[in-house]
Every structure is written in C-alpha cells, then in structure tokens.
Amino acid sequence: MSGLLEPSVKIEIEIQSQEKKGEACPVATGDVSVNLENRQKGIDKANYGPMNPNEPNAGYWREVSKVWRNSPDQAKKSRCGNCAAFIQTTKMMDCIESGLATGDSEMDAWEVIEAGDLGYCEIWDFKCAAKRTCTAWVTGGPITDDSEMANSMGEDNGND
C-alpha cells in the first residue's frame, strides 16, 4: 500500500483544512506543545511579554516603547486585550476551555482562563493573556461576539 498517508498525517491535514474554513479549533488551543512553540515565536520575533504583567517591568516597557517610538506609559496602554488580533469570541473561548480541560488535569479550565484573561492571538497562533503585549500589536481589538456581529452588519465599531 505505498503512497498512502499515515492516519495521523490524514488527521492533521483534515484539521488544517477545517481551520482554514473556520470550522475547527486552532491546533494550539488543544496542543500544549504547539501552543508553547508558537508563543516562543511571539517572544523571539515580537517581544511578547512581559513575563509577569503584574510587576512593574520598567525595562520591558522601555524596550517596547523604543520600537513603537513612544513613552513607556503610552506603550503600557497597548495590550493583547485591546489588540485587533486578540480573539475572545464564544467559539474561541470554548476551544480554549476544551483544550485546557483535556487530559488528567484536575484544574478548572475557566479559572485558568479568567485568571489570565486569556484569548487567542491570531497573529502568532497561541493562547495569550490580555495584560501582555507584543510589537505586532494592532489597534482595534479585541475580537468578540459583539465586534464580529457589528462587522458582519457593516456597522462602524470605532476600531479603524
């Protein structure tokens, strides 16, 4: 039977096909290894951080403000939680919950989601925390059910 794909390859191709059509959860929401790999790309290429957003992180904000050519105080206002690539739709949050709830874990997925104010980064393809940022930040977010509804109706949601 030469020329046939291994079952795992067929499944991966099907998942990627469904993702392109918007029918499946992104792989990184359910696969920790993929999520960590993609997050590392965000760290390496776009300075995703800071590691602990509840700390002052003066050095981090100075670095980011230099890239954006503004002040650290101004840079602190540009977070994943208000980025146009940060997805927090019901469908995406269900994907994140489902991915966190898999395995033998005793954790409550929603406690984790709420503690980190998690969403999904459409640029770097990983679960990210609303209080963090990266230099790929784009004004106009987050993407929510309400913003998707407004966009589908052609309404101006002020996120230009």
Protein backbone atom coordinates (compact mmCIF):
# COMPACT_ATOMS: atom_id res chain seq x y z
CA MET A 1 0.00 0.00 0.00
CA SER A 2 2.65 2.51 -0.92
CA GLY A 3 1.59 6.10 -1.38
CA LEU A 4 -0.99 6.11 1.39
CA LEU A 5 -0.69 8.67 4.15
CA GLU A 6 -0.32 7.58 7.74
CA PRO A 7 -3.57 8.05 9.70
CA SER A 8 -2.04 10.80 11.85
CA VAL A 9 -1.00 12.74 8.74
CA LYS A 10 -4.51 12.45 7.30
CA ILE A 11 -5.99 13.73 10.56
CA GLU A 12 -3.58 16.68 10.68
CA ILE A 13 -4.39 17.61 7.07
CA GLU A 14 -8.12 17.43 7.85
CA ILE A 15 -7.70 19.62 10.95
CA GLN A 16 -5.73 22.20 8.97
CA SER A 17 -8.39 22.15 6.23
CA GLN A 18 -11.14 22.68 8.79
CA GLU A 19 -9.18 25.51 10.42
CA LYS A 20 -8.89 27.30 7.09
CA LYS A 21 -12.67 27.06 6.71
CA GLY A 22 -13.18 28.28 10.28
CA GLU A 23 -14.83 25.02 11.32
CA ALA A 24 -12.33 23.68 13.87
CA CYS A 25 -10.49 24.93 16.90
CA PRO A 26 -6.93 26.10 16.23
CA VAL A 27 -4.46 23.31 16.97
CA ALA A 28 -2.65 25.43 19.59
CA THR A 29 -5.78 25.65 21.75
CA GLY A 30 -5.63 21.90 22.37
CA ASP A 31 -1.96 21.03 21.93
CA VAL A 32 0.32 22.46 24.62
CA SER A 33 3.49 21.77 22.60
CA VAL A 34 2.20 23.67 19.57
CA ASN A 35 0.97 26.49 21.81
CA LEU A 36 4.36 26.81 23.53
CA GLU A 37 6.24 26.65 20.22
CA ASN A 38 4.07 29.41 18.74
CA ARG A 39 4.29 31.51 21.91
CA GLN A 40 8.08 31.25 21.77
CA LYS A 41 7.98 32.60 18.21
CA GLY A 42 5.98 35.56 19.55
CA ILE A 43 8.59 36.10 22.26
CA ASP A 44 11.55 35.78 19.87
CA LYS A 45 10.15 37.79 16.96
CA ALA A 46 7.86 40.32 18.63
CA ASN A 47 8.96 40.51 22.28
CA TYR A 48 5.72 39.00 23.66
CA GLY A 49 5.62 39.80 27.35
CA PRO A 50 6.21 40.85 29.98
CA MET A 51 6.69 37.55 31.77
CA ASN A 52 4.69 38.72 34.79
CA PRO A 53 2.42 41.59 33.74
CA ASN A 54 1.54 42.29 37.39
CA GLU A 55 5.10 43.51 38.05
CA PRO A 56 6.37 47.00 37.04
CA ASN A 57 8.66 45.61 34.26
CA ALA A 58 10.22 49.02 33.59
CA GLY A 59 12.94 47.56 31.33
CA TYR A 60 10.43 45.65 29.22
CA TRP A 61 8.24 48.71 28.69
CA ARG A 62 11.27 50.85 27.78
CA GLU A 63 12.21 48.28 25.09
CA VAL A 64 8.70 48.14 23.65
CA SER A 65 8.31 51.93 23.72
CA LYS A 66 11.55 52.30 21.70
CA VAL A 67 10.16 50.01 18.98
CA TRP A 68 6.91 51.98 18.88
CA ARG A 69 8.70 55.34 19.30
CA ASN A 70 6.57 56.44 22.23
CA SER A 71 6.79 56.58 26.02
CA PRO A 72 6.64 53.55 28.32
CA ASP A 73 3.38 54.91 29.78
CA GLN A 74 1.90 55.10 26.28
CA ALA A 75 3.19 51.61 25.41
CA LYS A 76 1.51 50.17 28.52
CA LYS A 77 -1.86 51.11 27.01
CA SER A 78 -1.33 48.75 24.04
CA ARG A 79 -2.05 45.28 25.39
CA CYS A 80 -3.18 41.97 23.91
CA GLY A 81 -6.59 42.65 25.45
CA ASN A 82 -7.13 45.61 23.11
CA CYS A 83 -5.31 44.22 20.07
CA ALA A 84 -7.23 43.59 16.85
CA ALA A 85 -5.70 40.08 16.66
CA PHE A 86 -6.88 39.05 20.17
CA ILE A 87 -9.88 36.73 19.82
CA GLN A 88 -12.33 36.25 22.68
CA THR A 89 -15.43 35.06 20.84
CA THR A 90 -17.63 32.43 22.45
CA LYS A 91 -16.44 29.89 19.88
CA MET A 92 -12.76 30.60 20.59
CA MET A 93 -13.25 30.61 24.35
CA ASP A 94 -14.94 27.21 24.04
CA CYS A 95 -11.89 25.99 22.09
CA ILE A 96 -9.55 27.27 24.80
CA GLU A 97 -11.67 25.71 27.54
CA SER A 98 -11.81 22.38 25.72
CA GLY A 99 -8.04 22.37 25.26
CA LEU A 100 -7.37 23.17 28.91
CA ALA A 101 -9.86 20.58 30.13
CA THR A 102 -8.26 17.66 28.27
CA GLY A 103 -6.02 15.13 29.93
CA ASP A 104 -5.83 14.07 33.55
CA SER A 105 -5.78 17.60 34.90
CA GLU A 106 -7.78 18.49 37.97
CA MET A 107 -7.73 22.18 37.13
CA ASP A 108 -10.85 24.16 36.35
CA ALA A 109 -10.33 25.46 32.82
CA TRP A 110 -12.43 28.57 33.38
CA GLU A 111 -10.43 29.51 36.49
CA VAL A 112 -7.30 29.49 34.33
CA ILE A 113 -9.00 31.41 31.51
CA GLU A 114 -10.33 34.07 33.86
CA ALA A 115 -7.10 34.36 35.90
CA GLY A 116 -5.10 35.13 32.76
CA ASP A 117 -7.95 36.84 30.91
CA LEU A 118 -6.99 34.51 28.07
CA GLY A 119 -7.77 34.86 24.41
CA TYR A 120 -6.23 33.63 21.18
CA CYS A 121 -3.62 35.56 19.21
CA GLU A 122 -4.46 35.37 15.52
CA ILE A 123 -1.02 36.69 14.53
CA TRP A 124 1.15 34.19 16.42
CA ASP A 125 -1.43 31.39 16.84
CA PHE A 126 -1.31 30.78 20.58
CA LYS A 127 -3.35 31.35 23.74
CA CYS A 128 -2.30 34.64 25.25
CA ALA A 129 -3.05 36.80 28.27
CA ALA A 130 -4.87 40.11 27.90
CA LYS A 131 -2.39 42.02 30.12
CA ARG A 132 0.59 41.21 27.91
CA THR A 133 1.59 42.72 24.58
CA CYS A 134 4.00 42.32 21.67
CA THR A 135 5.43 44.57 19.00
CA ALA A 136 2.98 43.15 16.44
CA TRP A 137 0.12 44.83 18.38
CA VAL A 138 -2.63 46.30 16.17
CA THR A 139 -5.20 48.83 17.32
CA GLY A 140 -8.88 47.91 17.34
CA GLY A 141 -9.47 44.87 19.49
CA PRO A 142 -10.39 42.57 20.93
CA ILE A 143 -12.43 40.41 18.57
CA THR A 144 -15.59 39.41 20.46
CA ASP A 145 -19.04 38.16 19.51
CA ASP A 146 -20.25 41.77 19.63
CA SER A 147 -17.49 43.10 17.37
CA GLU A 148 -17.98 40.25 14.90
CA MET A 149 -21.71 40.97 14.83
CA ALA A 150 -21.10 44.68 14.23
CA ASN A 151 -18.63 43.92 11.42
CA SER A 152 -21.00 41.45 9.75
CA MET A 153 -23.73 44.09 9.81
CA GLY A 154 -21.40 46.70 8.35
CA GLU A 155 -21.52 48.85 11.47
CA ASP A 156 -18.66 51.10 12.41
CA ASN A 157 -17.43 49.90 15.79
CA GLY A 158 -14.79 52.64 16.04
CA ASN A 159 -11.91 50.18 15.66
CA ASP A 160 -10.41 51.61 12.49
